[in-house]
Amino acid sequence: MTEAHTPPTPSEAQALGSSVRLTIRLANLVRTARIYPDKHPALSFGVRVVTASITEVFHALGETEIHFMGRRLNVNNHTIRPPKGMILALTELAEFLGERNVGGLVIRDATTSTDVAEAISILFAEPGGGGPGPEVLNRRLTDAGIASFGFSGIRSPFADIQKLNIDPVLGAVRLYIRGLTAMKHLQQQGGVPSVMLELNRISRGLIEFYEMSPEMALTMMLESEVATYSLRQPLHMAILSIGLGHRLGVDGEALVHLSMAAMTADCGMRELPDPSVNLRGEPSGNERAWYQTHPLLSVHHMMQAGRLHPGVRRRLLVAFEHHLGVDGTGFPNTVGAYEQHPFSRFVRAADGFCNLVAETPWQASMSPTDALQTLRLESGTRYDRVIVDHLEGLLQEVLGIEDEERTDPKLSH
C-alpha cells in the first residue's frame, strides 16, 4: 500500500516494490554480517543479492531516495507500508542505520558487489550510538571510490506532515503525541536502539516545528494538562532547550543532540518508585536521598548501552550535571570546582522553568512570570545568569512573557 499526493500508476507501484525487496535483502545482509566473518559464502551471497537489488531499483526508478520512517518506507516521496511479515526486518535495519545517524539510502547508479561489500565494512567499522552521520560515511564511500549509492540523514516526522499538507496545528498535535509516546517507551524499555532512534526523529521534528513557529512550539511547552508530568516534562524541557540553543547559535546535529540530552536527562527516574514528595518543598532525609540518586542512575542506565559515541557522552554529561548549580551546589556531590558542559546549563534552566510552571500532584503551578522571577533570583547560584537572561529574552520576544520586577520602573529603583 502506498500513500502520496499523486498515487503511483500500476507500473510505478510495481517499480516501487523493488525498493521494498532491496531493503529486506539489505536487512538480511546486515543480519548475516553480524554472524559470519568476511568472505564467508553466506555473506558473499547476501552481497550479490543486494547488488542485484540496487541495480534493479536503479533500472526501475532511476535515481532513488529511500527513507526509513518507523514501520514505513518513503521512496521518492511515496510512502509504502510493507507487509506485516517484513516489518521486523525493516525495523532492525532502521535501528542499525539509526545508531550510525543514518536514515536512508540514495541510489545513483547500478553498482558492484565490491562496492556493496566495502560499504557494509564501513558501516560495521562504526560502533553506533549516535554517529558518525551520513556526511562522514559518504566521504568514506567517496574515498573508497564508491559513487553509485550513498547514505542520507534521519528525517523528522514533521517533514512528512508538511509534505502531506496537513494543517500545522494538527501536525503539531500529532508530533507532540508521538513525543509523549516516545517518552513512555523510554520509561518502559529504556534507551534501546529503537527508542533512541525515535527520540532522534522526534528531536528533528521539534526543531523543524520550532523553526516554523516558535510561538506555537513554546505555547505547547506551557501545556500542563494533556499528559502526566513524567511524560510531558522531558518533552517540554527539549522544546525550551531547542529554543535556547537556537537563540544562542546551536544548530545542525548539535541542536539534535541538545534536544535528546534534555529528553534523556531524567531517564534514571524510571528505576525509582513514583514520587510522593514535594520536590520544591522540604523533603525528609530519605526522600531527598531517593530523589538525588536519579542523575547517577541515568548515567548508569545509558552506559549499559556500551556505545560511547560523542553524542552519547554529551547525554551522559547532561544527565550527571543538570541538577548542579553554577556555584557548585546541587547534586550529585562533586570534588572541588566543576565546569559544566554548556548543554547542561541549557537543560538546567529549561528543567527549572518547566518544573515551576507545571501542575503536578506535589505542587501548584506558577505563572510564567513568577517562574522567571524565581529563576532570576537564583541566577548565579542555581542557574547560569547568561542562560536566564536569554531565557527571559526568548519568552519576552516570542510570547510576550517577562519578569515584571525587571520592567516595572517602580521596582527598579
Protein backbone atom coordinates (compact mmCIF):
# COMPACT_ATOMS: atom_id res chain seq x y z
CA MET A 1 0.00 0.00 0.00
CA THR A 2 1.35 3.46 -0.92
CA GLU A 3 0.43 6.99 0.14
CA ALA A 4 1.39 10.15 -1.74
CA HIS A 5 -0.05 13.34 -3.17
CA THR A 6 -0.34 11.63 -6.56
CA PRO A 7 -0.93 7.87 -6.31
CA PRO A 8 1.56 5.82 -8.34
CA THR A 9 0.44 4.15 -11.52
CA PRO A 10 0.38 0.33 -11.55
CA SER A 11 3.76 0.26 -13.29
CA GLU A 12 5.19 2.74 -10.76
CA ALA A 13 3.80 0.67 -7.89
CA GLN A 14 5.49 -2.41 -9.29
CA ALA A 15 8.76 -0.48 -9.61
CA LEU A 16 8.42 0.80 -6.03
CA GLY A 17 8.09 -2.81 -4.92
CA SER A 18 11.70 -3.33 -5.99
CA SER A 19 12.76 -0.85 -3.29
CA VAL A 20 10.96 -2.91 -0.64
CA ARG A 21 12.78 -6.04 -1.84
CA LEU A 22 16.06 -4.16 -1.66
CA THR A 23 15.54 -3.09 1.96
CA ILE A 24 14.56 -6.61 3.04
CA ARG A 25 17.64 -8.05 1.34
CA LEU A 26 19.82 -5.37 2.89
CA ALA A 27 18.34 -6.16 6.33
CA ASN A 28 19.17 -9.83 5.80
CA LEU A 29 22.70 -8.90 4.74
CA VAL A 30 23.21 -6.88 7.93
CA ARG A 31 21.96 -9.83 9.99
CA THR A 32 24.36 -12.14 8.12
CA ALA A 33 27.30 -9.76 8.59
CA ARG A 34 26.71 -9.84 12.35
CA ILE A 35 27.12 -13.61 12.36
CA TYR A 36 29.68 -14.57 9.73
CA PRO A 37 33.24 -13.34 9.06
CA ASP A 38 34.35 -11.63 5.87
CA LYS A 39 34.41 -13.80 2.72
CA HIS A 40 32.07 -16.37 4.24
CA PRO A 41 29.87 -17.88 1.48
CA ALA A 42 26.65 -16.72 3.20
CA LEU A 43 27.96 -13.17 3.34
CA SER A 44 29.14 -13.27 -0.27
CA PHE A 45 25.70 -14.49 -1.36
CA GLY A 46 23.98 -11.69 0.56
CA VAL A 47 26.26 -9.10 -1.05
CA ARG A 48 25.44 -10.40 -4.55
CA VAL A 49 21.70 -10.32 -3.84
CA VAL A 50 21.82 -6.73 -2.54
CA THR A 51 23.96 -5.69 -5.51
CA ALA A 52 21.38 -7.11 -7.90
CA SER A 53 18.59 -5.33 -6.00
CA ILE A 54 20.32 -1.93 -6.13
CA THR A 55 20.75 -2.34 -9.87
CA GLU A 56 17.10 -3.40 -10.20
CA VAL A 57 15.90 -0.33 -8.31
CA PHE A 58 18.03 1.98 -10.44
CA HIS A 59 16.78 0.49 -13.68
CA ALA A 60 13.16 0.65 -12.47
CA LEU A 61 13.15 4.10 -10.83
CA GLY A 62 16.33 5.90 -11.83
CA GLU A 63 17.97 7.91 -9.06
CA THR A 64 16.12 6.91 -5.92
CA GLU A 65 15.90 8.06 -2.30
CA ILE A 66 14.70 5.55 0.28
CA HIS A 67 13.98 6.74 3.82
CA PHE A 68 13.07 4.63 6.84
CA MET A 69 10.08 6.12 8.66
CA GLY A 70 9.24 3.80 11.53
CA ARG A 71 7.17 0.95 10.10
CA ARG A 72 7.02 2.57 6.68
CA LEU A 73 9.32 3.41 3.80
CA ASN A 74 9.35 6.66 1.89
CA VAL A 75 10.58 6.06 -1.67
CA ASN A 76 10.85 9.14 -3.88
CA ASN A 77 8.12 10.80 -1.78
CA HIS A 78 5.78 7.81 -1.97
CA THR A 79 5.01 6.29 1.43
CA ILE A 80 4.91 2.49 1.39
CA ARG A 81 3.50 0.26 4.11
CA PRO A 82 5.31 -3.07 3.79
CA PRO A 83 3.54 -6.35 4.58
CA LYS A 84 3.49 -7.22 8.29
CA GLY A 85 5.89 -10.10 7.78
CA MET A 86 8.59 -7.65 6.63
CA ILE A 87 8.24 -5.07 9.38
CA LEU A 88 10.60 -6.74 11.89
CA ALA A 89 13.44 -6.93 9.36
CA LEU A 90 12.90 -3.32 8.28
CA THR A 91 12.80 -2.15 11.89
CA GLU A 92 16.08 -3.92 12.66
CA LEU A 93 17.70 -2.33 9.61
CA ALA A 94 16.39 1.12 10.54
CA GLU A 95 17.78 0.71 14.08
CA PHE A 96 21.17 -0.43 12.77
CA LEU A 97 21.42 2.57 10.44
CA GLY A 98 19.89 4.92 13.00
CA GLU A 99 22.62 4.09 15.51
CA ARG A 100 25.01 5.49 12.90
CA ASN A 101 22.79 8.54 12.44
CA VAL A 102 21.69 7.35 9.01
CA GLY A 103 18.05 7.41 7.97
CA GLY A 104 18.08 6.28 4.37
CA LEU A 105 19.81 5.34 1.12
CA VAL A 106 20.41 7.30 -2.06
CA ILE A 107 20.85 5.19 -5.21
CA ARG A 108 22.52 6.95 -8.14
CA ASP A 109 23.55 4.12 -10.44
CA ALA A 110 23.96 0.38 -10.81
CA THR A 111 26.66 -0.95 -8.52
CA THR A 112 29.06 -3.82 -7.97
CA SER A 113 29.48 -6.48 -5.31
CA THR A 114 32.85 -5.00 -4.38
CA ASP A 115 31.23 -1.64 -3.61
CA VAL A 116 28.43 -3.22 -1.53
CA ALA A 117 30.89 -5.31 0.47
CA GLU A 118 33.06 -2.25 1.15
CA ALA A 119 30.05 -0.20 2.23
CA ILE A 120 28.99 -2.89 4.71
CA SER A 121 32.53 -2.93 6.12
CA ILE A 122 32.44 0.86 6.53
CA LEU A 123 29.12 0.66 8.41
CA PHE A 124 30.32 -2.09 10.74
CA ALA A 125 33.53 -0.20 11.46
CA GLU A 126 31.40 2.33 13.37
CA PRO A 127 30.27 1.41 16.90
CA GLY A 128 26.94 3.17 16.62
CA GLY A 129 25.36 5.08 19.45
CA GLY A 130 24.54 8.26 17.51
CA GLY A 131 27.12 8.78 14.78
CA PRO A 132 29.04 9.41 12.66
CA GLY A 133 26.26 10.50 10.30
CA PRO A 134 25.81 10.47 6.53
CA GLU A 135 28.35 13.18 5.71
CA VAL A 136 31.24 11.26 7.28
CA LEU A 137 30.11 7.92 5.89
CA ASN A 138 29.63 9.35 2.40
CA ARG A 139 33.15 10.78 2.48
CA ARG A 140 34.43 7.32 3.31
CA LEU A 141 32.45 5.87 0.41
CA THR A 142 33.94 8.51 -1.88
CA ASP A 143 37.45 7.76 -0.60
CA ALA A 144 36.79 4.11 -1.46
CA GLY A 145 35.74 5.11 -4.98
CA ILE A 146 32.04 4.34 -4.41
CA ALA A 147 29.71 6.76 -6.22
CA SER A 148 26.77 4.53 -7.15
CA PHE A 149 24.99 4.95 -3.81
CA GLY A 150 25.24 6.77 -0.51
CA PHE A 151 23.53 7.46 2.79
CA SER A 152 21.09 10.16 3.87
CA GLY A 153 20.20 11.60 7.25
CA ILE A 154 17.34 10.75 9.58
CA ARG A 155 14.13 12.50 8.56
CA SER A 156 11.84 14.11 11.08
CA PRO A 157 8.15 13.16 11.28
CA PHE A 158 7.30 16.85 10.92
CA ALA A 159 8.82 16.87 7.43
CA ASP A 160 6.31 14.23 6.33
CA ILE A 161 3.47 16.20 7.93
CA GLN A 162 4.44 19.27 5.91
CA LYS A 163 4.71 17.28 2.66
CA LEU A 164 1.19 15.93 3.18
CA ASN A 165 -0.14 19.50 3.57
CA ILE A 166 -1.64 18.71 6.97
CA ASP A 167 -2.79 21.74 8.97
CA PRO A 168 0.22 22.93 11.03
CA VAL A 169 -1.76 22.89 14.30
CA LEU A 170 -2.92 19.33 13.71
CA GLY A 171 0.60 18.39 12.66
CA ALA A 172 1.99 19.88 15.87
CA VAL A 173 -0.50 17.92 17.96
CA ARG A 174 0.42 14.70 16.17
CA LEU A 175 4.11 15.38 16.73
CA TYR A 176 3.50 16.16 20.41
CA ILE A 177 1.51 12.95 20.95
CA ARG A 178 4.23 10.99 19.18
CA GLY A 179 6.75 12.59 21.54
CA LEU A 180 4.71 11.61 24.60
CA THR A 181 4.52 8.05 23.27
CA ALA A 182 8.30 8.01 22.82
CA MET A 183 8.80 9.17 26.41
CA LYS A 184 6.52 6.37 27.61
CA HIS A 185 8.60 3.85 25.67
CA LEU A 186 11.78 5.33 27.17
CA GLN A 187 10.34 4.77 30.66
CA GLN A 188 9.21 1.23 29.87
CA GLN A 189 12.07 -0.04 27.70
CA GLY A 190 14.98 2.23 28.49
CA GLY A 191 17.39 3.53 25.90
CA VAL A 192 17.19 0.61 23.48
CA PRO A 193 18.12 1.43 19.86
CA SER A 194 14.54 1.65 18.63
CA VAL A 195 13.65 4.18 21.34
CA MET A 196 16.76 6.29 20.76
CA LEU A 197 16.08 6.33 17.03
CA GLU A 198 12.56 7.57 17.70
CA LEU A 199 13.88 10.27 20.07
CA ASN A 200 16.25 11.33 17.29
CA ARG A 201 13.32 11.62 14.88
CA ILE A 202 11.19 13.47 17.43
CA SER A 203 14.05 15.90 18.12
CA ARG A 204 14.37 16.70 14.43
CA GLY A 205 10.61 17.18 14.22
CA LEU A 206 10.60 19.53 17.21
CA ILE A 207 13.44 21.56 15.70
CA GLU A 208 11.60 21.92 12.38
CA PHE A 209 8.40 22.76 14.25
CA TYR A 210 10.18 25.40 16.35
CA GLU A 211 11.80 26.97 13.29
CA MET A 212 8.41 27.09 11.55
CA SER A 213 6.56 28.61 14.52
CA PRO A 214 8.49 29.46 17.72
CA GLU A 215 5.31 30.86 19.26
CA MET A 216 3.32 27.66 18.72
CA ALA A 217 6.19 25.49 19.97
CA LEU A 218 6.73 27.48 23.18
CA THR A 219 2.98 27.68 23.81
CA MET A 220 2.88 23.88 23.59
CA MET A 221 5.70 23.78 26.14
CA LEU A 222 3.43 25.58 28.64
CA GLU A 223 0.67 22.95 28.33
CA SER A 224 0.27 21.05 31.60
CA GLU A 225 -2.92 19.00 31.37
CA VAL A 226 -2.61 16.68 28.37
CA ALA A 227 -0.37 14.04 29.98
CA THR A 228 1.25 13.04 33.25
CA TYR A 229 4.19 15.09 34.47
CA SER A 230 6.73 12.31 33.94
CA LEU A 231 5.84 12.10 30.23
CA ARG A 232 5.43 15.77 29.38
CA GLN A 233 8.30 17.26 31.43
CA PRO A 234 11.18 15.79 29.34
CA LEU A 235 9.39 16.81 26.13
CA HIS A 236 8.85 20.36 27.40
CA MET A 237 12.47 20.55 28.52
CA ALA A 238 13.51 19.57 24.99
CA ILE A 239 11.31 22.24 23.38
CA LEU A 240 12.63 25.00 25.63
CA SER A 241 16.23 23.77 25.26
CA ILE A 242 15.81 23.91 21.48
CA GLY A 243 14.59 27.49 21.79
CA LEU A 244 17.54 28.48 23.97
CA GLY A 245 20.01 26.65 21.76
CA HIS A 246 18.56 28.23 18.64
CA ARG A 247 18.82 31.69 20.21
CA LEU A 248 22.45 31.10 21.23
CA GLY A 249 23.64 29.76 17.87
CA VAL A 250 23.46 26.00 18.42
CA ASP A 251 22.42 24.41 15.12
CA GLY A 252 22.54 21.30 12.97
CA GLU A 253 23.31 18.00 14.65
CA ALA A 254 24.36 19.78 17.85
CA LEU A 255 20.78 21.01 18.28
CA VAL A 256 19.51 17.43 17.82
CA HIS A 257 21.95 16.25 20.50
CA LEU A 258 20.80 19.04 22.85
CA SER A 259 17.16 18.01 22.44
CA MET A 260 17.96 14.33 23.03
CA ALA A 261 20.03 15.25 26.09
CA ALA A 262 17.03 17.09 27.54
CA MET A 263 14.71 14.16 26.89
CA THR A 264 17.04 11.57 28.44
CA ALA A 265 18.45 13.59 31.36
CA ASP A 266 15.99 12.09 33.85
CA CYS A 267 15.74 8.59 32.36
CA GLY A 268 17.12 7.17 35.63
CA MET A 269 13.84 8.11 37.29
CA ARG A 270 12.31 5.02 35.68
CA GLU A 271 14.20 2.89 38.22
CA LEU A 272 12.65 4.70 41.19
CA PRO A 273 9.15 4.47 42.66
CA ASP A 274 6.63 7.19 41.87
CA PRO A 275 7.47 10.32 43.85
CA SER A 276 5.21 11.28 46.72
CA VAL A 277 7.48 14.12 47.81
CA ASN A 278 7.13 17.81 47.11
CA LEU A 279 10.32 18.29 45.12
CA ARG A 280 10.18 22.05 45.70
CA GLY A 281 9.48 21.73 49.39
CA GLU A 282 11.47 20.31 52.28
CA PRO A 283 11.60 16.53 51.80
CA SER A 284 12.74 14.21 54.52
CA GLY A 285 16.28 12.87 54.52
CA ASN A 286 15.19 9.59 52.94
CA GLU A 287 13.09 11.34 50.32
CA ARG A 288 15.95 13.69 49.44
CA ALA A 289 18.40 10.80 49.15
CA TRP A 290 15.90 8.94 46.96
CA TYR A 291 15.48 11.83 44.57
CA GLN A 292 19.17 12.74 44.39
CA THR A 293 20.17 9.30 43.11
CA HIS A 294 18.48 9.73 39.74
CA PRO A 295 21.31 11.58 37.89
CA LEU A 296 23.69 8.72 38.65
CA LEU A 297 21.02 6.18 37.75
CA SER A 298 20.56 7.97 34.42
CA VAL A 299 24.30 7.81 33.72
CA HIS A 300 24.50 4.16 34.72
CA HIS A 301 21.48 3.31 32.60
CA MET A 302 22.88 4.97 29.46
CA MET A 303 26.34 3.47 29.93
CA GLN A 304 24.86 -0.01 29.79
CA ALA A 305 24.32 0.51 26.06
CA GLY A 306 28.11 0.23 25.70
CA ARG A 307 28.34 2.72 22.81
CA LEU A 308 30.02 5.91 23.99
CA HIS A 309 29.92 7.93 20.79
CA PRO A 310 30.39 11.72 21.34
CA GLY A 311 26.62 12.22 21.19
CA VAL A 312 26.13 9.67 23.94
CA ARG A 313 28.89 11.25 26.03
CA ARG A 314 27.11 14.61 25.85
CA ARG A 315 23.93 13.00 27.08
CA LEU A 316 25.86 11.35 29.92
CA LEU A 317 27.30 14.72 30.96
CA VAL A 318 23.91 16.43 30.90
CA ALA A 319 22.30 13.61 32.89
CA PHE A 320 25.06 13.90 35.51
CA GLU A 321 25.24 17.71 35.64
CA HIS A 322 21.77 19.10 35.09
CA HIS A 323 20.98 19.35 38.83
CA LEU A 324 24.30 21.06 39.66
CA GLY A 325 24.28 24.79 40.25
CA VAL A 326 26.84 27.04 38.60
CA ASP A 327 28.20 27.76 42.11
CA GLY A 328 28.88 24.06 42.75
CA THR A 329 25.79 23.45 44.86
CA GLY A 330 23.17 20.88 43.98
CA PHE A 331 23.72 17.21 43.36
CA PRO A 332 25.44 14.83 42.84
CA ASN A 333 28.28 15.92 45.06
CA THR A 334 31.49 16.75 43.19
CA VAL A 335 35.03 17.21 44.44
CA GLY A 336 36.20 20.80 44.06
CA ALA A 337 35.31 23.24 41.29
CA TYR A 338 33.33 21.79 38.41
CA GLU A 339 32.94 23.33 34.94
CA GLN A 340 29.66 22.22 33.42
CA HIS A 341 29.05 21.42 29.78
CA PRO A 342 27.06 24.27 28.13
CA PHE A 343 24.25 21.84 27.28
CA SER A 344 23.86 21.07 30.99
CA ARG A 345 23.27 24.75 31.70
CA PHE A 346 20.64 24.96 28.97
CA VAL A 347 18.84 21.90 30.29
CA ARG A 348 19.19 23.06 33.91
CA ALA A 349 17.36 26.30 33.14
CA ALA A 350 14.78 24.58 30.93
CA ASP A 351 14.11 21.96 33.62
CA GLY A 352 13.75 24.61 36.31
CA PHE A 353 11.32 26.76 34.33
CA CYS A 354 9.23 23.86 33.04
CA ASN A 355 9.02 22.37 36.55
CA LEU A 356 7.87 25.67 38.07
CA VAL A 357 5.06 26.23 35.55
CA ALA A 358 3.91 22.59 35.71
CA GLU A 359 0.83 21.46 37.57
CA THR A 360 1.82 18.30 39.43
CA PRO A 361 0.44 16.12 42.25
CA TRP A 362 3.03 17.63 44.60
CA GLN A 363 2.96 21.34 43.71
CA ALA A 364 0.74 24.04 42.28
CA SER A 365 1.92 25.65 39.06
CA MET A 366 3.43 29.13 38.94
CA SER A 367 2.66 31.65 36.26
CA PRO A 368 5.43 32.01 33.65
CA THR A 369 6.16 35.49 35.03
CA ASP A 370 6.57 34.18 38.59
CA ALA A 371 8.73 31.32 37.32
CA LEU A 372 11.01 33.79 35.54
CA GLN A 373 11.30 35.83 38.73
CA THR A 374 12.28 32.71 40.67
CA LEU A 375 14.96 31.80 38.12
CA ARG A 376 16.20 35.39 38.19
CA LEU A 377 16.56 35.30 41.99
CA GLU A 378 18.54 32.04 41.72
CA SER A 379 20.70 33.04 38.76
CA GLY A 380 24.39 32.97 39.53
CA THR A 381 23.85 30.18 42.05
CA ARG A 382 21.44 27.52 40.86
CA TYR A 383 21.20 28.79 37.25
CA ASP A 384 23.61 30.34 34.79
CA ARG A 385 22.98 34.09 34.71
CA VAL A 386 23.57 34.38 30.95
CA ILE A 387 21.21 31.49 30.19
CA VAL A 388 18.50 33.03 32.37
CA ASP A 389 18.96 36.36 30.54
CA HIS A 390 18.45 34.59 27.23
CA LEU A 391 15.52 32.58 28.56
CA GLU A 392 13.82 35.79 29.62
CA GLY A 393 14.61 37.40 26.25
CA LEU A 394 13.27 34.38 24.38
CA LEU A 395 9.96 34.27 26.26
CA GLN A 396 9.53 38.04 26.03
CA GLU A 397 10.20 38.19 22.28
CA VAL A 398 8.15 35.13 21.30
CA LEU A 399 5.34 35.02 23.87
CA GLY A 400 5.40 38.48 25.46
CA ILE A 401 6.26 37.00 28.88
CA GLU A 402 8.69 38.99 31.01
CA ASP A 403 9.91 39.41 34.56
CA GLU A 404 7.74 42.28 35.81
CA GLU A 405 10.21 43.16 38.57
CA ARG A 406 12.84 43.94 35.92
CA THR A 407 10.48 46.01 33.74
CA ASP A 408 8.39 47.92 36.32
CA PRO A 409 10.20 51.25 36.88
CA LYS A 410 8.74 51.47 40.40
CA LEU A 411 10.53 48.23 41.30
CA SER A 412 13.82 49.01 39.59
CA HIS A 413 14.75 51.97 41.81
